[in-house]
Amino acid sequence: MSRVPDEELMAYVRAAFAAFEPVPERVLAAGRATLAWREPDAALADLVADSRSGAVGVRGTSRLLTFDGTDHAVEVEVSGAGRDVELVGRLSPPAPAHVRVRHLDGELTARADPAGHFIVPGVPSGLVSLVFRLPDATRIVTSWVRV
C-alpha cells in the first residue's frame, strides 16, 4: 500500500468540501477583508460592555458599546435599525482624532473633536471596527463587533 503525499491528500479534502459544503463567498470575503485591515501598530481596545447583552430580539432602541484598552477607552452609541445605523461616540481621554469605521464593504471616515466626540451616520449594519489616529500618530483599533 502506497502512502498519499500530504499535499495531494489535502487537495482531495478541499475538493470534497468545495463540492459538498462550499464556504459562502460572503464569509470568504469577510475573512480576506479582516486580514487586509490589520493594524499591527495600533493599540487594541477590546469590547468590555454591550448594553444589548442578553436582550435577544430587541430592535429600534439605542445600544451602548464600551471598548477598553491600555491607555484609552471608547464609548459608542449605536442607534437606528435596518440597513444603516448611526454611531455616536466619545474617546477617553478626550482627544481630537481621525476616525475610520471599517465594515465589510469598505470604510467611512469622520473626525473626533477636541473633546473626543464623533458622529458617523450611514454605517451599514453588520461587522464593524473603529480605528482612531491621534495627533501624536498613536492609533487605537477596536475589536470587531456586529451593529
C-alpha atoms as a PDB file:
ATOM      1  CA  MET A   1       0.000   0.000   0.000  1.00  0.00           C
ATOM      2  CA  SER A   2       1.474   3.347  -1.030  1.00  0.00           C
ATOM      3  CA  ARG A   3       1.239   6.498   1.026  1.00  0.00           C
ATOM      4  CA  VAL A   4      -0.524   9.551  -0.471  1.00  0.00           C
ATOM      5  CA  PRO A   5       1.555  12.736  -0.054  1.00  0.00           C
ATOM      6  CA  ASP A   6       0.065  15.269   2.402  1.00  0.00           C
ATOM      7  CA  GLU A   7      -0.383  17.935  -0.284  1.00  0.00           C
ATOM      8  CA  GLU A   8      -2.315  15.555  -2.509  1.00  0.00           C
ATOM      9  CA  LEU A   9      -4.482  14.364   0.393  1.00  0.00           C
ATOM     10  CA  MET A  10      -5.294  17.964   1.377  1.00  0.00           C
ATOM     11  CA  ALA A  11      -6.226  18.715  -2.244  1.00  0.00           C
ATOM     12  CA  TYR A  12      -8.741  15.841  -2.126  1.00  0.00           C
ATOM     13  CA  VAL A  13     -10.172  17.103   1.182  1.00  0.00           C
ATOM     14  CA  ARG A  14     -10.510  20.676  -0.175  1.00  0.00           C
ATOM     15  CA  ALA A  15     -12.235  19.387  -3.313  1.00  0.00           C
ATOM     16  CA  ALA A  16     -14.680  17.316  -1.232  1.00  0.00           C
ATOM     17  CA  PHE A  17     -15.611  20.276   0.976  1.00  0.00           C
ATOM     18  CA  ALA A  18     -15.909  22.586  -2.034  1.00  0.00           C
ATOM     19  CA  ALA A  19     -18.279  20.133  -3.721  1.00  0.00           C
ATOM     20  CA  PHE A  20     -20.446  19.156  -0.748  1.00  0.00           C
ATOM     21  CA  GLU A  21     -20.330  22.131   1.624  1.00  0.00           C
ATOM     22  CA  PRO A  22     -18.805  25.201  -0.039  1.00  0.00           C
ATOM     23  CA  VAL A  23     -17.930  28.223   2.085  1.00  0.00           C
ATOM     24  CA  PRO A  24     -20.267  31.116   1.187  1.00  0.00           C
ATOM     25  CA  GLU A  25     -18.481  33.837  -0.783  1.00  0.00           C
ATOM     26  CA  ARG A  26     -19.546  36.476   1.790  1.00  0.00           C
ATOM     27  CA  VAL A  27     -17.712  34.513   4.516  1.00  0.00           C
ATOM     28  CA  LEU A  28     -14.575  34.232   2.383  1.00  0.00           C
ATOM     29  CA  ALA A  29     -14.726  37.960   1.614  1.00  0.00           C
ATOM     30  CA  ALA A  30     -15.071  38.802   5.319  1.00  0.00           C
ATOM     31  CA  GLY A  31     -12.044  36.667   6.155  1.00  0.00           C
ATOM     32  CA  ARG A  32      -9.931  38.274   3.433  1.00  0.00           C
ATOM     33  CA  ALA A  33     -11.083  41.750   4.497  1.00  0.00           C
ATOM     34  CA  THR A  34     -10.154  41.296   8.154  1.00  0.00           C
ATOM     35  CA  LEU A  35      -6.665  40.163   7.192  1.00  0.00           C
ATOM     36  CA  ALA A  36      -6.272  43.112   4.824  1.00  0.00           C
ATOM     37  CA  TRP A  37      -7.391  45.553   7.539  1.00  0.00           C
ATOM     38  CA  ARG A  38      -4.881  44.551  10.193  1.00  0.00           C
ATOM     39  CA  GLU A  39      -3.420  47.422  12.187  1.00  0.00           C
ATOM     40  CA  PRO A  40      -0.319  45.820  13.760  1.00  0.00           C
ATOM     41  CA  ASP A  41       0.989  49.025  15.385  1.00  0.00           C
ATOM     42  CA  ALA A  42      -2.347  50.068  16.867  1.00  0.00           C
ATOM     43  CA  ALA A  43      -3.354  49.678  20.494  1.00  0.00           C
ATOM     44  CA  LEU A  44      -6.293  47.291  20.783  1.00  0.00           C
ATOM     45  CA  ALA A  45      -9.449  48.378  22.594  1.00  0.00           C
ATOM     46  CA  ASP A  46     -11.499  45.264  23.373  1.00  0.00           C
ATOM     47  CA  LEU A  47     -15.268  45.213  23.770  1.00  0.00           C
ATOM     48  CA  VAL A  48     -15.879  45.101  27.534  1.00  0.00           C
ATOM     49  CA  ALA A  49     -19.573  46.043  27.723  1.00  0.00           C
ATOM     50  CA  ASP A  50     -22.602  45.796  25.453  1.00  0.00           C
ATOM     51  CA  SER A  51     -25.948  47.109  26.688  1.00  0.00           C
ATOM     52  CA  ARG A  52     -27.733  44.608  24.469  1.00  0.00           C
ATOM     53  CA  SER A  53     -26.059  41.547  26.012  1.00  0.00           C
ATOM     54  CA  GLY A  54     -28.786  39.050  26.647  1.00  0.00           C
ATOM     55  CA  ALA A  55     -31.509  41.226  25.058  1.00  0.00           C
ATOM     56  CA  VAL A  56     -32.304  38.943  22.131  1.00  0.00           C
ATOM     57  CA  GLY A  57     -34.766  40.292  19.573  1.00  0.00           C
ATOM     58  CA  VAL A  58     -34.817  43.884  20.845  1.00  0.00           C
ATOM     59  CA  ARG A  59     -34.962  46.298  17.905  1.00  0.00           C
ATOM     60  CA  GLY A  60     -35.172  50.028  17.380  1.00  0.00           C
ATOM     61  CA  THR A  61     -33.519  51.087  20.626  1.00  0.00           C
ATOM     62  CA  SER A  62     -30.098  52.585  21.181  1.00  0.00           C
ATOM     63  CA  ARG A  63     -27.274  50.307  22.149  1.00  0.00           C
ATOM     64  CA  LEU A  64     -24.170  51.303  24.111  1.00  0.00           C
ATOM     65  CA  LEU A  65     -20.824  49.630  23.407  1.00  0.00           C
ATOM     66  CA  THR A  66     -17.748  50.178  25.580  1.00  0.00           C
ATOM     67  CA  PHE A  67     -14.251  49.317  24.388  1.00  0.00           C
ATOM     68  CA  ASP A  68     -11.295  49.448  26.748  1.00  0.00           C
ATOM     69  CA  GLY A  69      -7.585  49.465  26.026  1.00  0.00           C
ATOM     70  CA  THR A  70      -4.433  50.050  27.999  1.00  0.00           C
ATOM     71  CA  ASP A  71      -4.454  53.846  27.780  1.00  0.00           C
ATOM     72  CA  HIS A  72      -7.743  54.649  26.027  1.00  0.00           C
ATOM     73  CA  ALA A  73     -11.425  53.797  26.117  1.00  0.00           C
ATOM     74  CA  VAL A  74     -14.153  54.290  23.541  1.00  0.00           C
ATOM     75  CA  GLU A  75     -17.887  54.533  24.180  1.00  0.00           C
ATOM     76  CA  VAL A  76     -20.181  54.182  21.178  1.00  0.00           C
ATOM     77  CA  GLU A  77     -23.945  54.563  20.990  1.00  0.00           C
ATOM     78  CA  VAL A  78     -25.469  52.649  18.075  1.00  0.00           C
ATOM     79  CA  SER A  79     -28.857  53.994  17.009  1.00  0.00           C
ATOM     80  CA  GLY A  80     -31.217  53.149  14.210  1.00  0.00           C
ATOM     81  CA  ALA A  81     -32.422  49.874  12.806  1.00  0.00           C
ATOM     82  CA  GLY A  82     -32.437  48.355   9.391  1.00  0.00           C
ATOM     83  CA  ARG A  83     -29.811  48.643   6.730  1.00  0.00           C
ATOM     84  CA  ASP A  84     -27.821  51.585   8.162  1.00  0.00           C
ATOM     85  CA  VAL A  85     -27.111  52.769  11.695  1.00  0.00           C
ATOM     86  CA  GLU A  86     -25.530  55.861  13.238  1.00  0.00           C
ATOM     87  CA  LEU A  87     -22.540  55.709  15.581  1.00  0.00           C
ATOM     88  CA  VAL A  88     -22.166  58.499  18.153  1.00  0.00           C
ATOM     89  CA  GLY A  89     -19.200  58.163  20.421  1.00  0.00           C
ATOM     90  CA  ARG A  90     -16.546  59.507  22.708  1.00  0.00           C
ATOM     91  CA  LEU A  91     -12.849  58.793  23.009  1.00  0.00           C
ATOM     92  CA  SER A  92     -11.389  58.842  26.519  1.00  0.00           C
ATOM     93  CA  PRO A  93      -9.170  60.527  27.492  1.00  0.00           C
ATOM     94  CA  PRO A  94     -10.547  63.248  25.241  1.00  0.00           C
ATOM     95  CA  ALA A  95      -8.516  63.983  22.130  1.00  0.00           C
ATOM     96  CA  PRO A  96      -9.117  65.044  18.551  1.00  0.00           C
ATOM     97  CA  ALA A  97      -8.718  62.142  16.155  1.00  0.00           C
ATOM     98  CA  HIS A  98      -9.264  60.952  12.632  1.00  0.00           C
ATOM     99  CA  VAL A  99     -11.896  58.174  12.864  1.00  0.00           C
ATOM    100  CA  ARG A 100     -12.278  55.295  10.404  1.00  0.00           C
ATOM    101  CA  VAL A 101     -15.199  52.893  10.613  1.00  0.00           C
ATOM    102  CA  ARG A 102     -14.252  49.699   8.801  1.00  0.00           C
ATOM    103  CA  HIS A 103     -17.056  47.461   7.543  1.00  0.00           C
ATOM    104  CA  LEU A 104     -17.301  44.577   5.101  1.00  0.00           C
ATOM    105  CA  ASP A 105     -17.989  46.834   2.112  1.00  0.00           C
ATOM    106  CA  GLY A 106     -15.249  49.407   2.814  1.00  0.00           C
ATOM    107  CA  GLU A 107     -14.900  52.201   5.314  1.00  0.00           C
ATOM    108  CA  LEU A 108     -16.314  55.544   6.402  1.00  0.00           C
ATOM    109  CA  THR A 109     -14.361  58.418   7.922  1.00  0.00           C
ATOM    110  CA  ALA A 110     -15.118  61.132  10.439  1.00  0.00           C
ATOM    111  CA  ARG A 111     -13.351  63.444  12.890  1.00  0.00           C
ATOM    112  CA  ALA A 112     -13.424  63.414  16.651  1.00  0.00           C
ATOM    113  CA  ASP A 113     -13.442  66.935  18.093  1.00  0.00           C
ATOM    114  CA  PRO A 114     -11.009  68.038  20.845  1.00  0.00           C
ATOM    115  CA  ALA A 115     -13.462  66.674  23.434  1.00  0.00           C
ATOM    116  CA  GLY A 116     -13.194  63.252  21.760  1.00  0.00           C
ATOM    117  CA  HIS A 117     -16.776  63.271  20.406  1.00  0.00           C
ATOM    118  CA  PHE A 118     -17.587  61.862  16.969  1.00  0.00           C
ATOM    119  CA  ILE A 119     -20.633  61.030  14.833  1.00  0.00           C
ATOM    120  CA  VAL A 120     -20.664  58.612  11.907  1.00  0.00           C
ATOM    121  CA  PRO A 121     -24.011  58.326  10.075  1.00  0.00           C
ATOM    122  CA  GLY A 122     -24.861  55.768   7.405  1.00  0.00           C
ATOM    123  CA  VAL A 123     -22.862  52.838   8.779  1.00  0.00           C
ATOM    124  CA  PRO A 124     -24.008  49.579   7.154  1.00  0.00           C
ATOM    125  CA  SER A 125     -25.407  47.059   9.635  1.00  0.00           C
ATOM    126  CA  GLY A 126     -23.043  44.172  10.170  1.00  0.00           C
ATOM    127  CA  LEU A 127     -19.475  43.779  11.418  1.00  0.00           C
ATOM    128  CA  VAL A 128     -17.555  46.997  12.139  1.00  0.00           C
ATOM    129  CA  SER A 129     -14.294  48.035  13.747  1.00  0.00           C
ATOM    130  CA  LEU A 130     -13.204  51.597  14.545  1.00  0.00           C
ATOM    131  CA  VAL A 131      -9.701  52.973  14.089  1.00  0.00           C
ATOM    132  CA  PHE A 132      -8.611  56.251  15.704  1.00  0.00           C
ATOM    133  CA  ARG A 133      -5.480  58.159  14.675  1.00  0.00           C
ATOM    134  CA  LEU A 134      -4.486  60.716  17.288  1.00  0.00           C
ATOM    135  CA  PRO A 135      -2.410  63.869  16.645  1.00  0.00           C
ATOM    136  CA  ASP A 136       0.727  62.171  18.037  1.00  0.00           C
ATOM    137  CA  ALA A 137       0.261  59.344  15.446  1.00  0.00           C
ATOM    138  CA  THR A 138      -0.967  56.892  18.096  1.00  0.00           C
ATOM    139  CA  ARG A 139      -3.543  54.534  16.649  1.00  0.00           C
ATOM    140  CA  ILE A 140      -6.311  52.765  18.549  1.00  0.00           C
ATOM    141  CA  VAL A 141      -8.362  49.981  16.983  1.00  0.00           C
ATOM    142  CA  THR A 142     -11.495  48.416  18.443  1.00  0.00           C
ATOM    143  CA  SER A 143     -12.329  44.756  18.195  1.00  0.00           C
ATOM    144  CA  TRP A 144     -14.869  43.811  15.529  1.00  0.00           C
ATOM    145  CA  VAL A 145     -18.494  43.928  16.647  1.00  0.00           C
ATOM    146  CA  ARG A 146     -21.826  43.397  14.886  1.00  0.00           C
ATOM    147  CA  VAL A 147     -24.035  46.521  14.792  1.00  0.00           C
END
